[in-house]
C-alpha atoms as a PDB file:
ATOM      1  CA  MET A   1       4.351 -14.291  -7.598  1.00  0.00           C
ATOM      2  CA  THR A   2       7.558 -12.313  -8.216  1.00  0.00           C
ATOM      3  CA  LEU A   3       8.258  -9.059  -9.554  1.00  0.00           C
ATOM      4  CA  LYS A   4       9.355 -10.347 -12.723  1.00  0.00           C
ATOM      5  CA  GLU A   5       6.203 -12.885 -13.413  1.00  0.00           C
ATOM      6  CA  ILE A   6       4.114  -9.943 -12.449  1.00  0.00           C
ATOM      7  CA  ILE A   7       5.517  -7.739 -14.981  1.00  0.00           C
ATOM      8  CA  ARG A   8       5.627 -10.649 -17.476  1.00  0.00           C
ATOM      9  CA  GLU A   9       1.775 -11.195 -17.057  1.00  0.00           C
ATOM     10  CA  ALA A  10       1.341  -7.282 -17.238  1.00  0.00           C
ATOM     11  CA  LEU A  11       3.179  -7.073 -20.345  1.00  0.00           C
ATOM     12  CA  ARG A  12       1.463 -10.070 -21.966  1.00  0.00           C
ATOM     13  CA  GLU A  13      -1.816  -8.564 -21.070  1.00  0.00           C
ATOM     14  CA  ASP A  14      -1.343  -5.609 -23.322  1.00  0.00           C
ATOM     15  CA  ILE A  15       0.983  -6.854 -25.895  1.00  0.00           C
ATOM     16  CA  GLY A  16      -0.716 -10.079 -26.616  1.00  0.00           C
ATOM     17  CA  SER A  17       0.675 -11.464 -30.044  1.00  0.00           C
ATOM     18  CA  GLY A  18       2.408  -7.961 -30.840  1.00  0.00           C
ATOM     19  CA  ASP A  19       1.914  -4.456 -30.778  1.00  0.00           C
ATOM     20  CA  ILE A  20       0.591  -4.213 -34.517  1.00  0.00           C
ATOM     21  CA  THR A  21       0.227  -0.656 -34.774  1.00  0.00           C
ATOM     22  CA  SER A  22       4.195  -0.050 -33.732  1.00  0.00           C
ATOM     23  CA  ASN A  23       4.903  -3.219 -36.161  1.00  0.00           C
ATOM     24  CA  LEU A  24       3.015  -1.757 -38.722  1.00  0.00           C
ATOM     25  CA  PHE A  25       3.897   1.865 -38.804  1.00  0.00           C
ATOM     26  CA  VAL A  26       7.275   2.474 -37.269  1.00  0.00           C
ATOM     27  CA  PRO A  27      10.500   0.815 -38.881  1.00  0.00           C
ATOM     28  CA  PRO A  28      12.481  -1.596 -37.038  1.00  0.00           C
ATOM     29  CA  ASP A  29      15.400   0.525 -37.309  1.00  0.00           C
ATOM     30  CA  VAL A  30      14.154   3.822 -35.497  1.00  0.00           C
ATOM     31  CA  HIS A  31      15.922   4.902 -32.166  1.00  0.00           C
ATOM     32  CA  ALA A  32      14.352   7.253 -29.988  1.00  0.00           C
ATOM     33  CA  ARG A  33      14.834   8.672 -26.514  1.00  0.00           C
ATOM     34  CA  ALA A  34      11.955   9.270 -24.126  1.00  0.00           C
ATOM     35  CA  PHE A  35      11.211  10.674 -20.647  1.00  0.00           C
ATOM     36  CA  ILE A  36       8.646   9.630 -18.374  1.00  0.00           C
ATOM     37  CA  VAL A  37       7.018  13.316 -17.232  1.00  0.00           C
ATOM     38  CA  ALA A  38       5.092  13.759 -14.112  1.00  0.00           C
ATOM     39  CA  LYS A  39       1.731  15.519 -14.917  1.00  0.00           C
ATOM     40  CA  GLN A  40       0.800  16.066 -11.456  1.00  0.00           C
ATOM     41  CA  SER A  41       2.716  16.808  -7.997  1.00  0.00           C
ATOM     42  CA  GLY A  42       2.872  14.245  -5.443  1.00  0.00           C
ATOM     43  CA  VAL A  43       4.919  11.244  -4.059  1.00  0.00           C
ATOM     44  CA  LEU A  44       6.544   8.920  -6.505  1.00  0.00           C
ATOM     45  CA  SER A  45       6.500   5.261  -6.308  1.00  0.00           C
ATOM     46  CA  GLY A  46       7.108   2.543  -8.854  1.00  0.00           C
ATOM     47  CA  ALA A  47       9.718   4.134 -10.619  1.00  0.00           C
ATOM     48  CA  SER A  48      12.160   1.049  -9.970  1.00  0.00           C
ATOM     49  CA  VAL A  49       9.349  -1.226 -11.403  1.00  0.00           C
ATOM     50  CA  ALA A  50       8.609   1.044 -14.443  1.00  0.00           C
ATOM     51  CA  LYS A  51      12.450   0.576 -15.195  1.00  0.00           C
ATOM     52  CA  GLN A  52      12.111  -3.107 -14.974  1.00  0.00           C
ATOM     53  CA  VAL A  53       8.960  -3.219 -17.453  1.00  0.00           C
ATOM     54  CA  PHE A  54      11.303  -1.596 -20.176  1.00  0.00           C
ATOM     55  CA  LYS A  55      14.156  -3.669 -19.581  1.00  0.00           C
ATOM     56  CA  GLN A  56      11.800  -6.630 -19.429  1.00  0.00           C
ATOM     57  CA  ALA A  57      10.245  -5.834 -22.680  1.00  0.00           C
ATOM     58  CA  ASP A  58      13.728  -5.324 -24.248  1.00  0.00           C
ATOM     59  CA  SER A  59      16.938  -5.606 -22.409  1.00  0.00           C
ATOM     60  CA  SER A  60      18.805  -3.349 -24.635  1.00  0.00           C
ATOM     61  CA  LEU A  61      17.004  -0.302 -23.904  1.00  0.00           C
ATOM     62  CA  GLU A  62      19.045   1.994 -21.739  1.00  0.00           C
ATOM     63  CA  VAL A  63      16.668   3.089 -18.562  1.00  0.00           C
ATOM     64  CA  ILE A  64      17.762   5.756 -16.103  1.00  0.00           C
ATOM     65  CA  VAL A  65      15.749   6.593 -13.021  1.00  0.00           C
ATOM     66  CA  LEU A  66      16.084  10.098 -12.516  1.00  0.00           C
ATOM     67  CA  VAL A  67      14.106  10.572  -9.233  1.00  0.00           C
ATOM     68  CA  GLU A  68      14.132   7.634  -6.468  1.00  0.00           C
ATOM     69  CA  ASP A  69      10.780   6.024  -4.786  1.00  0.00           C
ATOM     70  CA  GLY A  70       9.494   8.046  -1.882  1.00  0.00           C
ATOM     71  CA  ARG A  71      10.684  11.465  -3.250  1.00  0.00           C
ATOM     72  CA  ARG A  72       8.221  14.227  -3.631  1.00  0.00           C
ATOM     73  CA  ILE A  73       7.796  15.210  -7.286  1.00  0.00           C
ATOM     74  CA  LYS A  74       6.610  18.495  -8.853  1.00  0.00           C
ATOM     75  CA  LYS A  75       4.350  18.444 -12.408  1.00  0.00           C
ATOM     76  CA  GLY A  76       6.517  18.732 -15.106  1.00  0.00           C
ATOM     77  CA  GLU A  77       9.532  16.966 -13.750  1.00  0.00           C
ATOM     78  CA  LYS A  78      11.390  14.025 -15.604  1.00  0.00           C
ATOM     79  CA  ILE A  79      11.364  10.773 -13.562  1.00  0.00           C
ATOM     80  CA  ILE A  80      12.770   8.386 -15.992  1.00  0.00           C
ATOM     81  CA  SER A  81      14.973   8.435 -19.600  1.00  0.00           C
ATOM     82  CA  ILE A  82      14.617   5.736 -21.865  1.00  0.00           C
ATOM     83  CA  SER A  83      16.760   5.484 -24.955  1.00  0.00           C
ATOM     84  CA  GLY A  84      16.601   2.611 -27.591  1.00  0.00           C
ATOM     85  CA  ARG A  85      14.393   1.093 -29.946  1.00  0.00           C
ATOM     86  CA  ALA A  86      11.289   3.195 -30.685  1.00  0.00           C
ATOM     87  CA  ARG A  87       8.954   0.069 -30.988  1.00  0.00           C
ATOM     88  CA  SER A  88      10.577  -1.154 -27.782  1.00  0.00           C
ATOM     89  CA  ILE A  89       9.741   2.004 -26.059  1.00  0.00           C
ATOM     90  CA  LEU A  90       6.056   2.253 -27.390  1.00  0.00           C
ATOM     91  CA  MET A  91       5.595  -1.318 -26.552  1.00  0.00           C
ATOM     92  CA  ALA A  92       6.378  -1.170 -22.713  1.00  0.00           C
ATOM     93  CA  GLU A  93       5.011   2.554 -22.612  1.00  0.00           C
ATOM     94  CA  ARG A  94       1.393   1.998 -21.097  1.00  0.00           C
ATOM     95  CA  THR A  95       2.349  -0.686 -18.778  1.00  0.00           C
ATOM     96  CA  ALA A  96       5.156   1.164 -17.229  1.00  0.00           C
ATOM     97  CA  LEU A  97       2.719   4.112 -16.992  1.00  0.00           C
ATOM     98  CA  ASN A  98       0.022   1.906 -15.120  1.00  0.00           C
ATOM     99  CA  PHE A  99       2.371   0.637 -12.399  1.00  0.00           C
ATOM    100  CA  LEU A 100       3.813   4.170 -11.760  1.00  0.00           C
ATOM    101  CA  SER A 101       0.463   5.909 -11.737  1.00  0.00           C
ATOM    102  CA  HIS A 102      -1.188   3.379  -9.437  1.00  0.00           C
ATOM    103  CA  MET A 103       1.588   3.072  -7.040  1.00  0.00           C
ATOM    104  CA  SER A 104       2.496   6.893  -6.686  1.00  0.00           C
ATOM    105  CA  GLY A 105      -1.172   7.554  -6.539  1.00  0.00           C
ATOM    106  CA  ILE A 106      -1.020   5.322  -3.462  1.00  0.00           C
ATOM    107  CA  ALA A 107       2.327   6.899  -2.017  1.00  0.00           C
ATOM    108  CA  THR A 108       0.645  10.504  -2.349  1.00  0.00           C
ATOM    109  CA  LEU A 109      -2.477   9.636  -0.541  1.00  0.00           C
ATOM    110  CA  THR A 110      -0.545   7.724   2.276  1.00  0.00           C
ATOM    111  CA  ALA A 111       1.733  11.050   2.328  1.00  0.00           C
ATOM    112  CA  LYS A 112      -1.147  13.137   3.006  1.00  0.00           C
ATOM    113  CA  MET A 113      -2.509  11.131   5.751  1.00  0.00           C
ATOM    114  CA  VAL A 114       0.787  10.740   7.474  1.00  0.00           C
ATOM    115  CA  LYS A 115       0.891  14.264   7.418  1.00  0.00           C
ATOM    116  CA  SER A 116      -2.455  14.710   9.303  1.00  0.00           C
ATOM    117  CA  LEU A 117      -0.851  12.630  12.045  1.00  0.00           C
ATOM    118  CA  GLU A 118       1.959  14.762  12.404  1.00  0.00           C
ATOM    119  CA  GLY A 119       3.074  15.496  15.924  1.00  0.00           C
ATOM    120  CA  ARG A 120       0.984  12.576  17.095  1.00  0.00           C
ATOM    121  CA  LYS A 121       2.275   9.043  18.440  1.00  0.00           C
ATOM    122  CA  THR A 122      -0.007   7.156  16.181  1.00  0.00           C
ATOM    123  CA  PHE A 123       1.242   5.108  13.141  1.00  0.00           C
ATOM    124  CA  LEU A 124      -0.708   4.682   9.573  1.00  0.00           C
ATOM    125  CA  LEU A 125      -1.093   1.411   8.686  1.00  0.00           C
ATOM    126  CA  ASP A 126      -2.322  -0.165   5.453  1.00  0.00           C
ATOM    127  CA  THR A 127      -4.552  -3.302   5.189  1.00  0.00           C
ATOM    128  CA  ARG A 128      -4.927  -6.389   3.071  1.00  0.00           C
ATOM    129  CA  LYS A 129      -7.701  -4.747   0.885  1.00  0.00           C
ATOM    130  CA  THR A 130      -5.435  -4.897  -2.009  1.00  0.00           C
ATOM    131  CA  THR A 131      -5.438  -5.346  -5.955  1.00  0.00           C
ATOM    132  CA  PRO A 132      -4.888  -9.145  -6.370  1.00  0.00           C
ATOM    133  CA  LEU A 133      -1.608 -10.166  -7.024  1.00  0.00           C
ATOM    134  CA  LEU A 134      -0.486  -6.599  -6.375  1.00  0.00           C
ATOM    135  CA  ARG A 135      -0.112  -6.602  -2.673  1.00  0.00           C
ATOM    136  CA  ALA A 136       3.818  -6.301  -2.244  1.00  0.00           C
ATOM    137  CA  LEU A 137       3.828  -3.425  -4.857  1.00  0.00           C
ATOM    138  CA  GLU A 138       1.069  -1.678  -3.129  1.00  0.00           C
ATOM    139  CA  LYS A 139       2.499  -2.245   0.360  1.00  0.00           C
ATOM    140  CA  LYS A 140       5.675  -0.614  -0.885  1.00  0.00           C
ATOM    141  CA  ALA A 141       3.990   2.452  -2.364  1.00  0.00           C
ATOM    142  CA  VAL A 142       2.638   2.755   1.475  1.00  0.00           C
ATOM    143  CA  ARG A 143       6.137   2.884   2.623  1.00  0.00           C
ATOM    144  CA  ASP A 144       7.299   4.929   0.068  1.00  0.00           C
ATOM    145  CA  GLY A 145       4.681   7.356   1.210  1.00  0.00           C
ATOM    146  CA  GLY A 146       5.685   7.043   4.787  1.00  0.00           C
ATOM    147  CA  GLY A 147       3.075   4.680   6.277  1.00  0.00           C
ATOM    148  CA  LYS A 148       3.495   1.209   7.637  1.00  0.00           C
ATOM    149  CA  ASN A 149       2.843  -2.183   6.457  1.00  0.00           C
ATOM    150  CA  HIS A 150       0.275  -4.359   8.414  1.00  0.00           C
ATOM    151  CA  ARG A 151       0.338  -8.092   7.857  1.00  0.00           C
ATOM    152  CA  ALA A 152       1.526  -9.373   4.531  1.00  0.00           C
ATOM    153  CA  GLY A 153      -1.411 -11.916   4.858  1.00  0.00           C
ATOM    154  CA  LEU A 154      -3.093 -14.674   6.832  1.00  0.00           C
ATOM    155  CA  TYR A 155       0.200 -16.324   7.643  1.00  0.00           C
ATOM    156  CA  ASP A 156       2.126 -14.126   9.268  1.00  0.00           C
ATOM    157  CA  LYS A 157       0.247 -12.584  12.256  1.00  0.00           C
ATOM    158  CA  ILE A 158      -2.838 -13.503  14.232  1.00  0.00           C
ATOM    159  CA  LEU A 159      -5.877 -11.177  13.860  1.00  0.00           C
ATOM    160  CA  ILE A 160      -8.884 -12.381  14.984  1.00  0.00           C
ATOM    161  CA  LYS A 161     -11.741 -10.697  13.082  1.00  0.00           C
ATOM    162  CA  ASP A 162     -15.633 -10.266  14.100  1.00  0.00           C
ATOM    163  CA  ASN A 163     -16.093 -13.505  11.442  1.00  0.00           C
ATOM    164  CA  HIS A 164     -13.545 -15.549  13.580  1.00  0.00           C
ATOM    165  CA  ILE A 165     -15.663 -14.578  16.858  1.00  0.00           C
ATOM    166  CA  LEU A 166     -18.505 -15.726  15.167  1.00  0.00           C
ATOM    167  CA  ALA A 167     -17.734 -18.978  13.931  1.00  0.00           C
ATOM    168  CA  ALA A 168     -15.832 -19.776  17.297  1.00  0.00           C
ATOM    169  CA  GLY A 169     -19.097 -19.455  19.065  1.00  0.00           C
ATOM    170  CA  GLY A 170     -18.392 -15.906  20.799  1.00  0.00           C
ATOM    171  CA  ILE A 171     -15.877 -14.190  22.135  1.00  0.00           C
ATOM    172  CA  ASP A 172     -15.740 -15.932  25.371  1.00  0.00           C
ATOM    173  CA  ASN A 173     -14.567 -18.921  23.373  1.00  0.00           C
ATOM    174  CA  ILE A 174     -12.060 -16.697  21.582  1.00  0.00           C
ATOM    175  CA  LEU A 175     -10.363 -15.376  24.896  1.00  0.00           C
ATOM    176  CA  LYS A 176     -10.665 -18.852  26.443  1.00  0.00           C
ATOM    177  CA  ARG A 177      -8.228 -20.322  23.342  1.00  0.00           C
ATOM    178  CA  ILE A 178      -5.984 -17.324  23.744  1.00  0.00           C
ATOM    179  CA  ASP A 179      -5.348 -18.046  27.221  1.00  0.00           C
ATOM    180  CA  GLU A 180      -4.740 -21.822  26.102  1.00  0.00           C
ATOM    181  CA  ILE A 181      -2.373 -20.350  23.461  1.00  0.00           C
ATOM    182  CA  ARG A 182      -0.723 -18.341  25.772  1.00  0.00           C
ATOM    183  CA  GLN A 183       0.440 -21.004  28.361  1.00  0.00           C
ATOM    184  CA  LYS A 184       2.398 -22.881  25.258  1.00  0.00           C
ATOM    185  CA  ASP A 185       3.893 -19.492  23.702  1.00  0.00           C
ATOM    186  CA  GLU A 186       4.108 -16.274  25.518  1.00  0.00           C
ATOM    187  CA  LYS A 187       5.713 -14.399  22.627  1.00  0.00           C
ATOM    188  CA  ILE A 188       3.209 -15.165  19.576  1.00  0.00           C
ATOM    189  CA  PHE A 189       1.659 -11.693  18.673  1.00  0.00           C
ATOM    190  CA  ILE A 190      -2.218 -11.867  19.204  1.00  0.00           C
ATOM    191  CA  GLU A 191      -4.525  -8.901  18.001  1.00  0.00           C
ATOM    192  CA  ILE A 192      -8.173  -9.053  18.444  1.00  0.00           C
ATOM    193  CA  GLU A 193     -10.976  -7.039  16.898  1.00  0.00           C
ATOM    194  CA  VAL A 194     -13.601  -5.754  19.042  1.00  0.00           C
ATOM    195  CA  SER A 195     -17.021  -3.783  17.519  1.00  0.00           C
ATOM    196  CA  ASN A 196     -18.294  -2.445  21.134  1.00  0.00           C
ATOM    197  CA  ILE A 197     -17.215  -1.279  24.642  1.00  0.00           C
ATOM    198  CA  SER A 198     -18.558  -4.541  26.283  1.00  0.00           C
ATOM    199  CA  GLN A 199     -16.186  -6.991  23.844  1.00  0.00           C
ATOM    200  CA  PHE A 200     -13.221  -4.059  24.728  1.00  0.00           C
ATOM    201  CA  LYS A 201     -13.526  -4.894  28.584  1.00  0.00           C
ATOM    202  CA  LYS A 202     -13.589  -8.478  28.162  1.00  0.00           C
ATOM    203  CA  ALA A 203     -10.618  -8.784  25.412  1.00  0.00           C
ATOM    204  CA  ILE A 204      -8.370  -6.352  27.700  1.00  0.00           C
ATOM    205  CA  LYS A 205      -8.345  -8.746  30.603  1.00  0.00           C
ATOM    206  CA  HIS A 206      -6.688 -11.329  28.622  1.00  0.00           C
ATOM    207  CA  LYS A 207      -3.054 -11.643  27.084  1.00  0.00           C
ATOM    208  CA  VAL A 208      -3.654  -9.557  23.862  1.00  0.00           C
ATOM    209  CA  ASP A 209      -1.009  -7.527  22.342  1.00  0.00           C
ATOM    210  CA  CYS A 210      -3.502  -5.371  20.295  1.00  0.00           C
ATOM    211  CA  ILE A 211      -6.947  -4.652  20.531  1.00  0.00           C
ATOM    212  CA  MET A 212      -8.470  -3.338  17.149  1.00  0.00           C
ATOM    213  CA  LEU A 213     -11.911  -1.133  17.579  1.00  0.00           C
ATOM    214  CA  ASP A 214     -13.681  -1.484  14.490  1.00  0.00           C
ATOM    215  CA  ASN A 215     -15.986   1.170  13.275  1.00  0.00           C
ATOM    216  CA  PHE A 216     -15.852   2.923  16.927  1.00  0.00           C
ATOM    217  CA  SER A 217     -16.687   6.741  17.068  1.00  0.00           C
ATOM    218  CA  PRO A 218     -14.380   9.076  18.262  1.00  0.00           C
ATOM    219  CA  ALA A 219     -16.175   9.176  21.649  1.00  0.00           C
ATOM    220  CA  MET A 220     -16.205   5.373  21.938  1.00  0.00           C
ATOM    221  CA  VAL A 221     -12.451   5.358  21.312  1.00  0.00           C
ATOM    222  CA  ARG A 222     -11.834   8.321  23.767  1.00  0.00           C
ATOM    223  CA  LYS A 223     -13.799   5.966  26.296  1.00  0.00           C
ATOM    224  CA  ALA A 224     -11.872   2.736  25.323  1.00  0.00           C
ATOM    225  CA  VAL A 225      -8.241   4.507  25.617  1.00  0.00           C
ATOM    226  CA  SER A 226      -9.851   5.788  29.364  1.00  0.00           C
ATOM    227  CA  LEU A 227     -10.804   2.139  30.244  1.00  0.00           C
ATOM    228  CA  LYS A 228      -7.091   0.773  29.330  1.00  0.00           C
ATOM    229  CA  GLU A 229      -5.378   3.651  31.466  1.00  0.00           C
ATOM    230  CA  LYS A 230      -7.748   3.010  34.350  1.00  0.00           C
ATOM    231  CA  MET A 231      -6.915  -1.157  34.091  1.00  0.00           C
ATOM    232  CA  GLY A 232      -3.131  -0.282  34.082  1.00  0.00           C
ATOM    233  CA  GLN A 233      -2.841  -2.241  30.618  1.00  0.00           C
ATOM    234  CA  ASN A 234      -0.205  -0.007  29.091  1.00  0.00           C
ATOM    235  CA  SER A 235       1.548  -2.746  27.126  1.00  0.00           C
ATOM    236  CA  VAL A 236      -1.867  -3.467  25.182  1.00  0.00           C
ATOM    237  CA  LYS A 237      -1.632  -1.449  21.875  1.00  0.00           C
ATOM    238  CA  ILE A 238      -4.680   0.143  20.426  1.00  0.00           C
ATOM    239  CA  GLU A 239      -5.566  -0.062  16.643  1.00  0.00           C
ATOM    240  CA  LEU A 240      -8.505   1.983  15.006  1.00  0.00           C
ATOM    241  CA  SER A 241     -10.007   0.563  11.488  1.00  0.00           C
ATOM    242  CA  GLY A 242     -13.268   1.147   9.749  1.00  0.00           C
ATOM    243  CA  GLY A 243     -14.146   3.893   7.345  1.00  0.00           C
ATOM    244  CA  ILE A 244     -10.893   6.183   8.222  1.00  0.00           C
ATOM    245  CA  ASN A 245      -9.993   8.358   5.424  1.00  0.00           C
ATOM    246  CA  GLU A 246      -8.183  11.457   4.315  1.00  0.00           C
ATOM    247  CA  ARG A 247     -11.077  13.604   5.057  1.00  0.00           C
ATOM    248  CA  ASN A 248     -12.020  12.019   8.993  1.00  0.00           C
ATOM    249  CA  ILE A 249      -8.516  10.900  10.087  1.00  0.00           C
ATOM    250  CA  VAL A 250      -7.583  13.618  12.310  1.00  0.00           C
ATOM    251  CA  LYS A 251     -10.780  13.217  14.714  1.00  0.00           C
ATOM    252  CA  PHE A 252      -9.817   9.653  15.288  1.00  0.00           C
ATOM    253  CA  ALA A 253      -6.340  10.350  16.112  1.00  0.00           C
ATOM    254  CA  SER A 254      -6.861  10.672  19.925  1.00  0.00           C
ATOM    255  CA  PRO A 255      -3.949  10.604  22.640  1.00  0.00           C
ATOM    256  CA  GLY A 256      -3.532   6.552  23.409  1.00  0.00           C
ATOM    257  CA  VAL A 257      -4.037   5.352  19.860  1.00  0.00           C
ATOM    258  CA  ASP A 258      -1.533   3.582  18.582  1.00  0.00           C
ATOM    259  CA  PHE A 259      -1.980   2.878  15.200  1.00  0.00           C
ATOM    260  CA  ILE A 260      -4.691   3.631  12.534  1.00  0.00           C
ATOM    261  CA  SER A 261      -5.449   1.348   9.567  1.00  0.00           C
ATOM    262  CA  SER A 262      -7.033   2.474   6.340  1.00  0.00           C
ATOM    263  CA  GLY A 263      -7.943   0.257   3.607  1.00  0.00           C
ATOM    264  CA  ALA A 264      -8.596   3.670   1.581  1.00  0.00           C
ATOM    265  CA  LEU A 265      -4.711   3.756   0.845  1.00  0.00           C
ATOM    266  CA  THR A 266      -4.745   0.884  -1.435  1.00  0.00           C
ATOM    267  CA  HIS A 267      -8.539   0.692  -2.796  1.00  0.00           C
ATOM    268  CA  SER A 268      -9.442   4.487  -3.314  1.00  0.00           C
ATOM    269  CA  ALA A 269      -6.265   6.356  -3.912  1.00  0.00           C
ATOM    270  CA  PRO A 270      -6.618   8.119  -7.102  1.00  0.00           C
ATOM    271  CA  ALA A 271      -3.655   7.376  -9.719  1.00  0.00           C
ATOM    272  CA  LEU A 272      -1.266  10.231 -10.101  1.00  0.00           C
ATOM    273  CA  ASP A 273      -0.829  11.035 -13.953  1.00  0.00           C
ATOM    274  CA  PHE A 274       2.273  10.749 -16.084  1.00  0.00           C
ATOM    275  CA  SER A 275       3.116  10.948 -19.458  1.00  0.00           C
ATOM    276  CA  LEU A 276       6.032   9.411 -21.856  1.00  0.00           C
ATOM    277  CA  GLU A 277       7.428  12.287 -24.311  1.00  0.00           C
ATOM    278  CA  LEU A 278       9.308  10.543 -27.250  1.00  0.00           C
ATOM    279  CA  ARG A 279      12.041  12.087 -29.202  1.00  0.00           C
ATOM    280  CA  ILE A 280      13.359  10.655 -32.473  1.00  0.00           C
ATOM    281  CA  GLU A 281      17.373  10.035 -32.278  1.00  0.00           C
ATOM    282  CA  SER A 282      18.312   8.295 -35.145  1.00  0.00           C
ATOM    283  CA  THR A 283      17.658   5.734 -37.495  1.00  0.00           C
ATOM    284  CA  LYS A 284      20.354   2.832 -37.875  1.00  0.00           C
END
């Protein structure tokens, strides 16, 4: 689904057959200027999307983005300027603010967690725990907050999870299949999730690129890193996942951990608040 299609459906959801309040009470010839203003400090994401919402609602609106995505913003700061028909501005207001609040909330939480990893060689990744149809926008918000994207979907990277292992009849069958694949393709990226040290010991002996430690305690993480070093498997990356959030991320960021992935970035980020301030310019 393209951004244009997502915005079209979002506007359709809110407007339906028409904005009856504005149509009944706001004369069609009233023109206004409005500013979207931050009600909280944070990291901005979605300004470019909000602009497209207004332009898609009414192409005659003049929309100027005053602060670019990825920038830190302060409470009270003006983010976007909109000029044109008051009816059109009011019609698109809530849809634009919803995108902006949601995406900026994700960017702000991401920035906080990235800051917690400062000085370490560990990258913060998102997951596929995203809102249906909004994945591309939510992953953009993660990037705007300084995080990095994990795979986009099931189609662009191999990640063998616990249910794959179960469905394949166990980890030994999975590892055998990995060896077969490697004989045909040495370059294909393969990541496997393990849930205990025993599985980790088995997986690291095979040609995997990355091992995801799922719900490992900090002590188990340190043990896995130590085993990797003792076995001389320096090319194998280690990713941590499972229950990692803003409050506990520092405990997991041990030396030797390459990536930490957190679903909290997209499924638990609180929205950042914005408002639209309207000023009547003229009646034409």
